[in-house]
Structures are given as structure tokens and as C-alpha cells.
């Protein structure tokens, strides 16, 4: 991993909950997210670390000015990262700058409903065994989003690429996304758009793996805390608005068939190697290709062919020979490449 300089930040007072928000070229979203949680910080003894991931667009200056004039000036710090450390690296910077019983990782494209912070802490008290507590994520109109999942597996890759209703019914137990639930439940992993982490679980699992620049790191980290004895629990009592795609447009672009950045596939390869061993990436790729062959039969029976991402059959082999190794060219996206992926 490339060495980087961690900004020196005075250790803040101990808090009940430390909140980490990463900003990368989304200052208006970040400020709206900060405003949504500001009213509850004092009541729950919360502190905030905003990590600007080397935006280079003036974001950090805007956020710094807003914080200085806000009611939470004494409860928030801005960390200016000297490089874009990705999702894992940015959160690690924020976690290192906070001292708290719980840590809340919050996307810049989230808005906390009234009482959400207190609701998450209450959920943590109801589920003392949980290392990660996920709220209900929803659209602005209150429509629930699927945010709890089973681990992505080689079999789920088959289902995803085949896009066959009959196959999905037969092998439905391997589906990744779980149905929205109105009651608490355990899951393999949950979206890190908003996740509350218990300090003991973070201490046991260690920092997030910075080999994941973006994507798959949430599933990987839930797996890490599960190995340490702390499951992930979903509790819908706390509600958070997630403006999907606001902080990263890659998934939306993929849904249209656009080619995602190379770091997406590098993270995918790393994930399958870590969770399923040396043959994990190979098995996942072969299952994806089998599924794609099944999908190509659909036009022969009058069914539409589901569009794959551009060059996907080739790109899934990214880092295949060195799944856990460094690849600086892949793991550091250029601004132009990131913009192209969003279009």
C-alpha cells in the first residue's frame, strides 16, 4: 500500500458517538448531511470528523467556512487528506481522529430523519451482541430501499449474469439483496451509506482494508467484524434518507451498461479472494460466464437479452493474477476517468 501522511489532529474529547463523513467533490451534499444531524449532536454527545478526500475543487474551504459559522463548530473537525484515499482510507482517517463508544459512518448523500442518531444508539442497546447496526434507508418520499444483503458469492454471480426468473426461483437462497423488513433482523452485511459500528467491534477487526479503493469494502468489513464475533443487525426504527448515487454515480452508470472504473473490478477480485480463498475469483468469474451464456439463450426464445456492462466479460479478470496485490494504476482513479464513468 502506498505510504501516505496522516494529518496531525488533536485528539478530541471522548464522545458517545463519533461520526465520519467523507467528502469528495460533493460540498453541498456534505453540508446538507451535516445540517441534518446537527440538532442531535449535543443530546447524544456526538462529534464529527469530515474527511475531504483531496477534492481539489474548493470543497474543503466551503465546508471549513460552514463549520466555523455553525452551531456544531466545537463538535466537528475537518480533515484535509493529502491524497484521495478512497472509501476505506477516508473512513480510517476519520476513525483515527475520533474517540467514541460508537462510530457512525455516513455518506455525504444521506440525510438523517429526526431522532435517527438517538434511534441508532437505542438499537445498539437492544442488540448488544451486534458490531454493526444498520438503519432503514429510504428515498426522500419514505420509500424503503433494499440495504441488507447476503454475502456476494460465486452462485450469486451466476444469478446476476443469467438474469433468469426461473433460475432465480430455483436458486433464490443465493440472492444477495434481502427483502425490506419492518422488523429487526441479522444479515451478512448492510450498506455503509449509514452504519453504526460498536467500538469493541472496530477494535477487534482493526481498520478497514484500504486495498479496496471503492466498492465491496462494506461487505468485507462486515465479514471482518463477524469473524471477531460481532454480527450485523438491521433495525428499521432509525430512518435515514439516502440520495442514491449522490456521492458516487458508478452504480447508476453500471445499470445503464456503462463501463465502471477499473478500481471497481479490482475491488471485486480482492473481495472474492479474501472471502472464498485462492480459487474464489476464478470460481466467481466462471460462474458469471456460465450465467452470461444462459442469458444469451433468452433471445432464442423471444426474451430480451439483459445488457451487461461494457467489456464486463474481460474486466472481471482485473487483478486476477495478483488479487491481493497493489495496483496503483487501477486503485487511483483519474478525475477524467471518474467523470466518464458517471456519464
Protein backbone atom coordinates (compact mmCIF):
# COMPACT_ATOMS: atom_id res chain seq x y z
CA UNK A 1 0.00 0.00 0.00
CA UNK A 2 1.30 3.46 -0.90
CA UNK A 3 2.53 5.32 2.16
CA UNK A 4 0.63 8.48 2.99
CA UNK A 5 0.92 11.19 5.57
CA UNK A 6 -1.88 11.21 8.14
CA UNK A 7 -2.74 14.78 9.12
CA UNK A 8 -1.93 15.53 12.75
CA UNK A 9 -5.21 16.23 14.54
CA UNK A 10 -5.52 16.89 18.27
CA UNK A 11 -7.35 14.00 19.93
CA UNK A 12 -10.88 15.24 20.70
CA UNK A 13 -12.71 14.60 23.95
CA UNK A 14 -14.35 11.21 24.36
CA UNK A 15 -17.80 11.05 22.77
CA UNK A 16 -20.71 8.66 22.87
CA UNK A 17 -20.77 8.53 19.07
CA UNK A 18 -18.15 9.68 16.58
CA UNK A 19 -19.44 10.41 13.07
CA UNK A 20 -17.31 10.19 9.93
CA UNK A 21 -18.43 11.86 6.69
CA UNK A 22 -16.24 11.66 3.58
CA UNK A 23 -16.43 14.49 1.10
CA UNK A 24 -15.16 14.12 -2.44
CA UNK A 25 -16.34 16.97 -4.66
CA UNK A 26 -19.82 16.99 -3.08
CA UNK A 27 -19.73 20.01 -0.74
CA UNK A 28 -23.43 20.85 -0.97
CA UNK A 29 -24.45 17.28 -0.16
CA UNK A 30 -21.97 17.15 2.70
CA UNK A 31 -23.29 20.38 4.20
CA UNK A 32 -26.89 19.17 3.94
CA UNK A 33 -25.93 15.93 5.69
CA UNK A 34 -24.15 17.87 8.44
CA UNK A 35 -27.17 20.11 8.89
CA UNK A 36 -29.46 17.09 9.24
CA UNK A 37 -27.51 15.71 12.20
CA UNK A 38 -26.54 18.98 13.87
CA UNK A 39 -29.61 19.19 16.09
CA UNK A 40 -28.90 15.85 17.78
CA UNK A 41 -25.16 16.02 18.39
CA UNK A 42 -25.30 17.58 21.82
CA UNK A 43 -28.13 15.33 23.01
CA UNK A 44 -26.20 12.16 22.16
CA UNK A 45 -22.75 13.56 22.93
CA UNK A 46 -21.63 13.24 19.33
CA UNK A 47 -18.60 14.53 17.49
CA UNK A 48 -17.95 14.71 13.74
CA UNK A 49 -14.90 14.22 11.56
CA UNK A 50 -15.40 15.42 7.99
CA UNK A 51 -12.71 13.98 5.73
CA UNK A 52 -12.13 15.85 2.49
CA UNK A 53 -10.57 13.20 0.25
CA UNK A 54 -8.36 15.61 -1.69
CA UNK A 55 -11.26 17.02 -3.70
CA UNK A 56 -9.22 19.83 -5.23
CA UNK A 57 -12.37 21.78 -6.10
CA UNK A 58 -12.63 24.13 -3.15
CA UNK A 59 -14.88 21.73 -1.22
CA UNK A 60 -12.73 21.75 1.89
CA UNK A 61 -12.76 25.56 2.10
CA UNK A 62 -16.56 25.67 1.79
CA UNK A 63 -17.02 23.04 4.48
CA UNK A 64 -14.50 24.68 6.79
CA UNK A 65 -16.27 28.03 6.49
CA UNK A 66 -19.66 26.44 7.13
CA UNK A 67 -18.43 24.58 10.18
CA UNK A 68 -16.81 27.69 11.65
CA UNK A 69 -20.11 29.56 11.49
CA UNK A 70 -22.31 26.65 12.58
CA UNK A 71 -23.70 25.60 15.94
CA UNK A 72 -21.52 22.47 15.84
CA UNK A 73 -18.18 24.26 15.45
CA UNK A 74 -16.95 22.85 18.76
CA UNK A 75 -18.08 19.31 17.87
CA UNK A 76 -16.68 18.94 14.36
CA UNK A 77 -13.26 18.77 12.71
CA UNK A 78 -12.32 18.97 9.05
CA UNK A 79 -9.54 16.65 7.94
CA UNK A 80 -7.84 17.55 4.67
CA UNK A 81 -6.38 14.37 3.23
CA UNK A 82 -3.31 14.96 1.08
CA UNK A 83 -4.35 12.18 -1.31
CA UNK A 84 -7.61 10.56 -2.38
CA UNK A 85 -7.53 7.53 -0.10
CA UNK A 86 -10.83 6.05 -1.29
CA UNK A 87 -13.75 5.00 0.87
CA UNK A 88 -11.81 2.75 3.24
CA UNK A 89 -8.88 5.11 3.60
CA UNK A 90 -11.08 8.13 4.16
CA UNK A 91 -13.08 6.38 6.86
CA UNK A 92 -9.88 5.16 8.52
CA UNK A 93 -8.66 8.76 8.72
CA UNK A 94 -11.92 9.79 10.35
CA UNK A 95 -11.98 6.88 12.78
CA UNK A 96 -8.41 7.61 13.87
CA UNK A 97 -9.40 11.21 14.66
CA UNK A 98 -12.27 10.26 16.97
CA UNK A 99 -12.54 8.64 20.39
CA UNK A 100 -16.02 7.23 20.93
CA UNK A 101 -18.08 4.29 22.15
CA UNK A 102 -19.72 4.01 18.71
CA UNK A 103 -18.75 5.19 15.24
CA UNK A 104 -21.27 6.24 12.61
CA UNK A 105 -20.04 6.07 9.01
CA UNK A 106 -22.21 8.39 6.95
CA UNK A 107 -22.23 9.03 3.21
CA UNK A 108 -22.37 12.63 2.12
CA UNK A 109 -25.58 11.81 0.23
CA UNK A 110 -27.56 10.96 3.37
CA UNK A 111 -29.97 12.98 5.48
CA UNK A 112 -30.84 11.84 8.97
CA UNK A 113 -34.51 11.87 9.87
CA UNK A 114 -35.37 13.47 13.21
CA UNK A 115 -34.28 11.23 16.05
CA UNK A 116 -32.17 8.93 13.85
CA UNK A 117 -28.99 9.31 15.89
CA UNK A 118 -30.74 8.54 19.15
CA UNK A 119 -32.65 5.75 17.43
CA UNK A 120 -29.44 4.09 16.26
CA UNK A 121 -27.95 4.22 19.74
CA UNK A 122 -31.18 2.78 21.18
CA UNK A 123 -30.99 -0.02 18.60
CA UNK A 124 -27.41 -0.73 19.67
CA UNK A 125 -28.65 -1.10 23.24
CA UNK A 126 -31.37 -3.52 22.10
CA UNK A 127 -28.80 -5.60 20.21
CA UNK A 128 -25.74 -5.67 22.50
CA UNK A 129 -24.18 -8.52 20.51
CA UNK A 130 -24.16 -6.54 17.25
CA UNK A 131 -20.98 -4.98 15.94
CA UNK A 132 -22.71 -3.12 13.12
CA UNK A 133 -26.22 -1.65 13.34
CA UNK A 134 -27.91 -0.56 10.11
CA UNK A 135 -30.92 1.77 9.93
CA UNK A 136 -33.72 1.75 7.41
CA UNK A 137 -32.52 3.60 4.31
CA UNK A 138 -35.24 5.29 2.32
CA UNK A 139 -35.96 7.69 -0.51
CA UNK A 140 -36.99 11.24 0.28
CA UNK A 141 -40.66 10.22 -0.06
CA UNK A 142 -40.22 7.49 2.57
CA UNK A 143 -39.99 4.55 0.18
CA UNK A 144 -37.74 1.91 1.74
CA UNK A 145 -34.53 0.90 -0.03
CA UNK A 146 -33.01 -2.55 -0.03
CA UNK A 147 -29.97 -2.10 2.17
CA UNK A 148 -29.36 -5.52 3.78
CA UNK A 149 -27.67 -8.36 2.00
CA UNK A 150 -26.24 -11.84 1.99
CA UNK A 151 -22.60 -12.13 1.02
CA UNK A 152 -21.93 -11.89 -2.71
CA UNK A 153 -20.87 -15.37 -3.82
CA UNK A 154 -19.93 -17.23 -6.99
CA UNK A 155 -23.52 -18.54 -7.13
CA UNK A 156 -24.93 -15.04 -6.86
CA UNK A 157 -22.69 -14.06 -9.78
CA UNK A 158 -24.38 -16.80 -11.81
CA UNK A 159 -27.81 -15.45 -10.90
CA UNK A 160 -26.85 -11.87 -11.63
CA UNK A 161 -25.43 -12.53 -15.08
CA UNK A 162 -28.08 -15.08 -16.12
CA UNK A 163 -30.95 -12.73 -15.23
CA UNK A 164 -33.35 -15.68 -15.39
CA UNK A 165 -36.57 -15.59 -13.39
CA UNK A 166 -36.80 -19.38 -13.34
CA UNK A 167 -33.20 -19.79 -12.21
CA UNK A 168 -33.70 -17.13 -9.55
CA UNK A 169 -36.67 -19.07 -8.15
CA UNK A 170 -34.67 -22.29 -8.13
CA UNK A 171 -31.57 -20.77 -6.52
CA UNK A 172 -33.19 -17.90 -4.66
CA UNK A 173 -31.32 -18.70 -1.46
CA UNK A 174 -28.19 -17.31 -3.10
CA UNK A 175 -29.75 -13.92 -3.91
CA UNK A 176 -27.70 -11.07 -2.48
CA UNK A 177 -30.35 -8.46 -1.71
CA UNK A 178 -32.72 -9.29 1.14
CA UNK A 179 -36.35 -8.11 1.13
CA UNK A 180 -37.10 -4.95 3.07
CA UNK A 181 -38.11 -5.84 6.61
CA UNK A 182 -40.25 -3.92 9.08
CA UNK A 183 -38.68 -5.78 12.00
CA UNK A 184 -35.06 -6.11 13.17
CA UNK A 185 -33.01 -8.93 11.67
CA UNK A 186 -29.45 -10.14 11.28
CA UNK A 187 -27.84 -10.01 7.85
CA UNK A 188 -24.42 -10.79 6.40
CA UNK A 189 -23.74 -7.16 5.57
CA UNK A 190 -25.50 -3.84 5.18
CA UNK A 191 -24.95 -0.71 3.16
CA UNK A 192 -22.27 1.56 4.55
CA UNK A 193 -24.18 4.61 3.32
CA UNK A 194 -25.08 4.76 7.02
CA UNK A 195 -23.81 2.23 9.54
CA UNK A 196 -23.23 2.39 13.29
CA UNK A 197 -20.17 0.45 14.43
CA UNK A 198 -19.56 -0.61 18.01
CA UNK A 199 -16.14 0.45 19.29
CA UNK A 200 -15.36 -3.06 20.56
CA UNK A 201 -16.02 -4.50 17.09
CA UNK A 202 -13.81 -1.89 15.41
CA UNK A 203 -11.02 -2.55 17.89
CA UNK A 204 -11.32 -6.30 17.30
CA UNK A 205 -11.48 -6.11 13.48
CA UNK A 206 -8.95 -3.33 13.01
CA UNK A 207 -9.12 -0.63 10.32
CA UNK A 208 -10.94 -1.07 7.02
CA UNK A 209 -8.90 -2.70 4.26
CA UNK A 210 -7.52 0.10 2.11
CA UNK A 211 -6.86 -2.37 -0.69
CA UNK A 212 -10.49 -1.64 -1.57
CA UNK A 213 -10.46 1.81 -3.13
CA UNK A 214 -14.24 1.80 -3.53
CA UNK A 215 -16.93 -0.91 -3.50
CA UNK A 216 -17.07 -4.28 -1.74
CA UNK A 217 -15.39 -2.81 1.35
CA UNK A 218 -18.65 -2.75 3.30
CA UNK A 219 -19.23 -6.48 2.78
CA UNK A 220 -15.58 -7.18 3.55
CA UNK A 221 -15.66 -5.20 6.79
CA UNK A 222 -18.89 -6.82 7.97
CA UNK A 223 -17.17 -10.14 7.35
CA UNK A 224 -14.20 -8.98 9.42
CA UNK A 225 -16.29 -7.98 12.41
CA UNK A 226 -18.35 -11.18 12.10
CA UNK A 227 -15.12 -13.20 12.33
CA UNK A 228 -14.38 -11.25 15.52
CA UNK A 229 -17.73 -12.36 16.94
CA UNK A 230 -19.90 -9.34 16.14
CA UNK A 231 -22.84 -9.82 13.73
CA UNK A 232 -24.52 -7.13 11.64
CA UNK A 233 -28.07 -6.22 12.64
CA UNK A 234 -30.68 -4.20 10.79
CA UNK A 235 -33.12 -2.17 12.90
CA UNK A 236 -35.68 -0.08 10.98
CA UNK A 237 -36.60 2.06 14.00
CA UNK A 238 -33.98 4.60 12.89
CA UNK A 239 -34.57 6.09 9.44
CA UNK A 240 -32.12 7.79 7.12
CA UNK A 241 -32.70 9.27 3.67
CA UNK A 242 -30.21 8.02 1.09
CA UNK A 243 -29.98 10.10 -2.09
CA UNK A 244 -28.70 7.15 -4.11
CA UNK A 245 -25.88 7.97 -6.48
CA UNK A 246 -25.23 11.38 -4.97
CA UNK A 247 -21.79 10.57 -3.58
CA UNK A 248 -20.81 8.12 -6.33
CA UNK A 249 -22.58 7.69 -9.69
CA UNK A 250 -20.83 4.44 -10.65
CA UNK A 251 -23.67 2.04 -9.78
CA UNK A 252 -26.20 4.14 -11.67
CA UNK A 253 -23.90 4.18 -14.69
CA UNK A 254 -23.47 0.39 -14.49
CA UNK A 255 -27.24 -0.06 -14.51
CA UNK A 256 -27.20 1.68 -17.90
CA UNK A 257 -24.49 -0.67 -19.15
CA UNK A 258 -21.62 1.80 -18.86
CA UNK A 259 -18.15 0.50 -18.13
CA UNK A 260 -17.25 1.12 -14.47
CA UNK A 261 -13.79 2.31 -13.41
CA UNK A 262 -11.10 -0.36 -13.17
CA UNK A 263 -10.97 0.02 -9.39
CA UNK A 264 -14.47 -1.48 -9.18
CA UNK A 265 -13.26 -4.77 -10.67
CA UNK A 266 -10.01 -4.66 -8.69
CA UNK A 267 -12.12 -4.46 -5.53
CA UNK A 268 -14.36 -7.27 -6.76
CA UNK A 269 -11.36 -9.54 -7.31
CA UNK A 270 -9.94 -8.71 -3.89
CA UNK A 271 -13.29 -9.44 -2.26
CA UNK A 272 -13.65 -12.92 -3.80
CA UNK A 273 -10.06 -13.79 -2.91
CA UNK A 274 -10.49 -12.75 0.71
CA UNK A 275 -13.87 -14.39 1.32
CA UNK A 276 -13.53 -17.53 -0.82
CA UNK A 277 -9.83 -18.29 -0.92
CA UNK A 278 -7.31 -18.60 -3.77
CA UNK A 279 -9.87 -20.04 -6.21
CA UNK A 280 -12.56 -17.53 -5.26
CA UNK A 281 -12.03 -15.05 -8.12
CA UNK A 282 -11.69 -17.83 -10.71
CA UNK A 283 -14.84 -19.59 -9.49
CA UNK A 284 -16.82 -16.34 -9.42
CA UNK A 285 -15.74 -15.43 -12.94
CA UNK A 286 -16.55 -18.86 -14.36
CA UNK A 287 -19.99 -18.74 -12.76
CA UNK A 288 -20.55 -15.28 -14.19
CA UNK A 289 -19.60 -16.51 -17.67
CA UNK A 290 -21.93 -19.52 -17.36
CA UNK A 291 -24.71 -17.17 -16.37
CA UNK A 292 -23.97 -14.96 -19.33
CA UNK A 293 -24.22 -17.94 -21.67
CA UNK A 294 -27.62 -18.73 -20.17
CA UNK A 295 -28.65 -15.11 -20.71
CA UNK A 296 -27.68 -15.32 -24.38
CA UNK A 297 -30.21 -18.11 -24.86
CA UNK A 298 -33.04 -15.70 -24.00
CA UNK A 299 -33.30 -14.10 -27.48
CA UNK A 300 -33.71 -17.58 -28.97
CA UNK A 301 -36.97 -17.96 -27.04
CA UNK A 302 -38.18 -14.44 -27.65
CA UNK A 303 -36.86 -12.89 -24.44
CA UNK A 304 -34.74 -9.73 -24.35
CA UNK A 305 -31.04 -10.04 -23.59
CA UNK A 306 -30.14 -8.19 -20.43
CA UNK A 307 -27.33 -5.78 -21.19
CA UNK A 308 -24.05 -6.38 -19.38
CA UNK A 309 -21.62 -3.58 -18.66
CA UNK A 310 -19.32 -2.70 -21.49
CA UNK A 311 -16.28 -5.05 -21.58
CA UNK A 312 -17.52 -6.83 -18.46
CA UNK A 313 -16.53 -10.32 -19.63
CA UNK A 314 -12.94 -9.11 -19.88
CA UNK A 315 -12.86 -6.68 -16.98
CA UNK A 316 -13.91 -9.26 -14.37
CA UNK A 317 -10.39 -10.71 -14.70
CA UNK A 318 -8.82 -7.46 -13.44
CA UNK A 319 -6.02 -8.26 -10.96
CA UNK A 320 -6.76 -11.95 -11.45
CA UNK A 321 -3.09 -12.95 -11.20
CA UNK A 322 -2.46 -10.78 -8.15
CA UNK A 323 -5.79 -10.35 -6.35
CA UNK A 324 -4.37 -9.09 -3.07
CA UNK A 325 -1.52 -7.08 -4.53
CA UNK A 326 -1.09 -3.43 -5.21
CA UNK A 327 -2.06 -1.90 -8.50
CA UNK A 328 -1.69 1.84 -8.21
CA UNK A 329 -2.87 2.50 -11.73
CA UNK A 330 -6.13 0.67 -11.01
CA UNK A 331 -6.71 1.84 -7.47
CA UNK A 332 -6.23 5.55 -8.07
CA UNK A 333 -8.87 6.83 -10.50
CA UNK A 334 -8.06 9.90 -12.55
CA UNK A 335 -10.70 12.67 -12.45
CA UNK A 336 -11.42 12.28 -16.17
CA UNK A 337 -12.00 8.55 -15.76
CA UNK A 338 -14.33 9.12 -12.84
CA UNK A 339 -16.27 11.68 -14.88
CA UNK A 340 -16.52 9.33 -17.84
CA UNK A 341 -17.92 6.59 -15.62
CA UNK A 342 -20.64 8.94 -14.44
CA UNK A 343 -21.79 9.86 -17.94
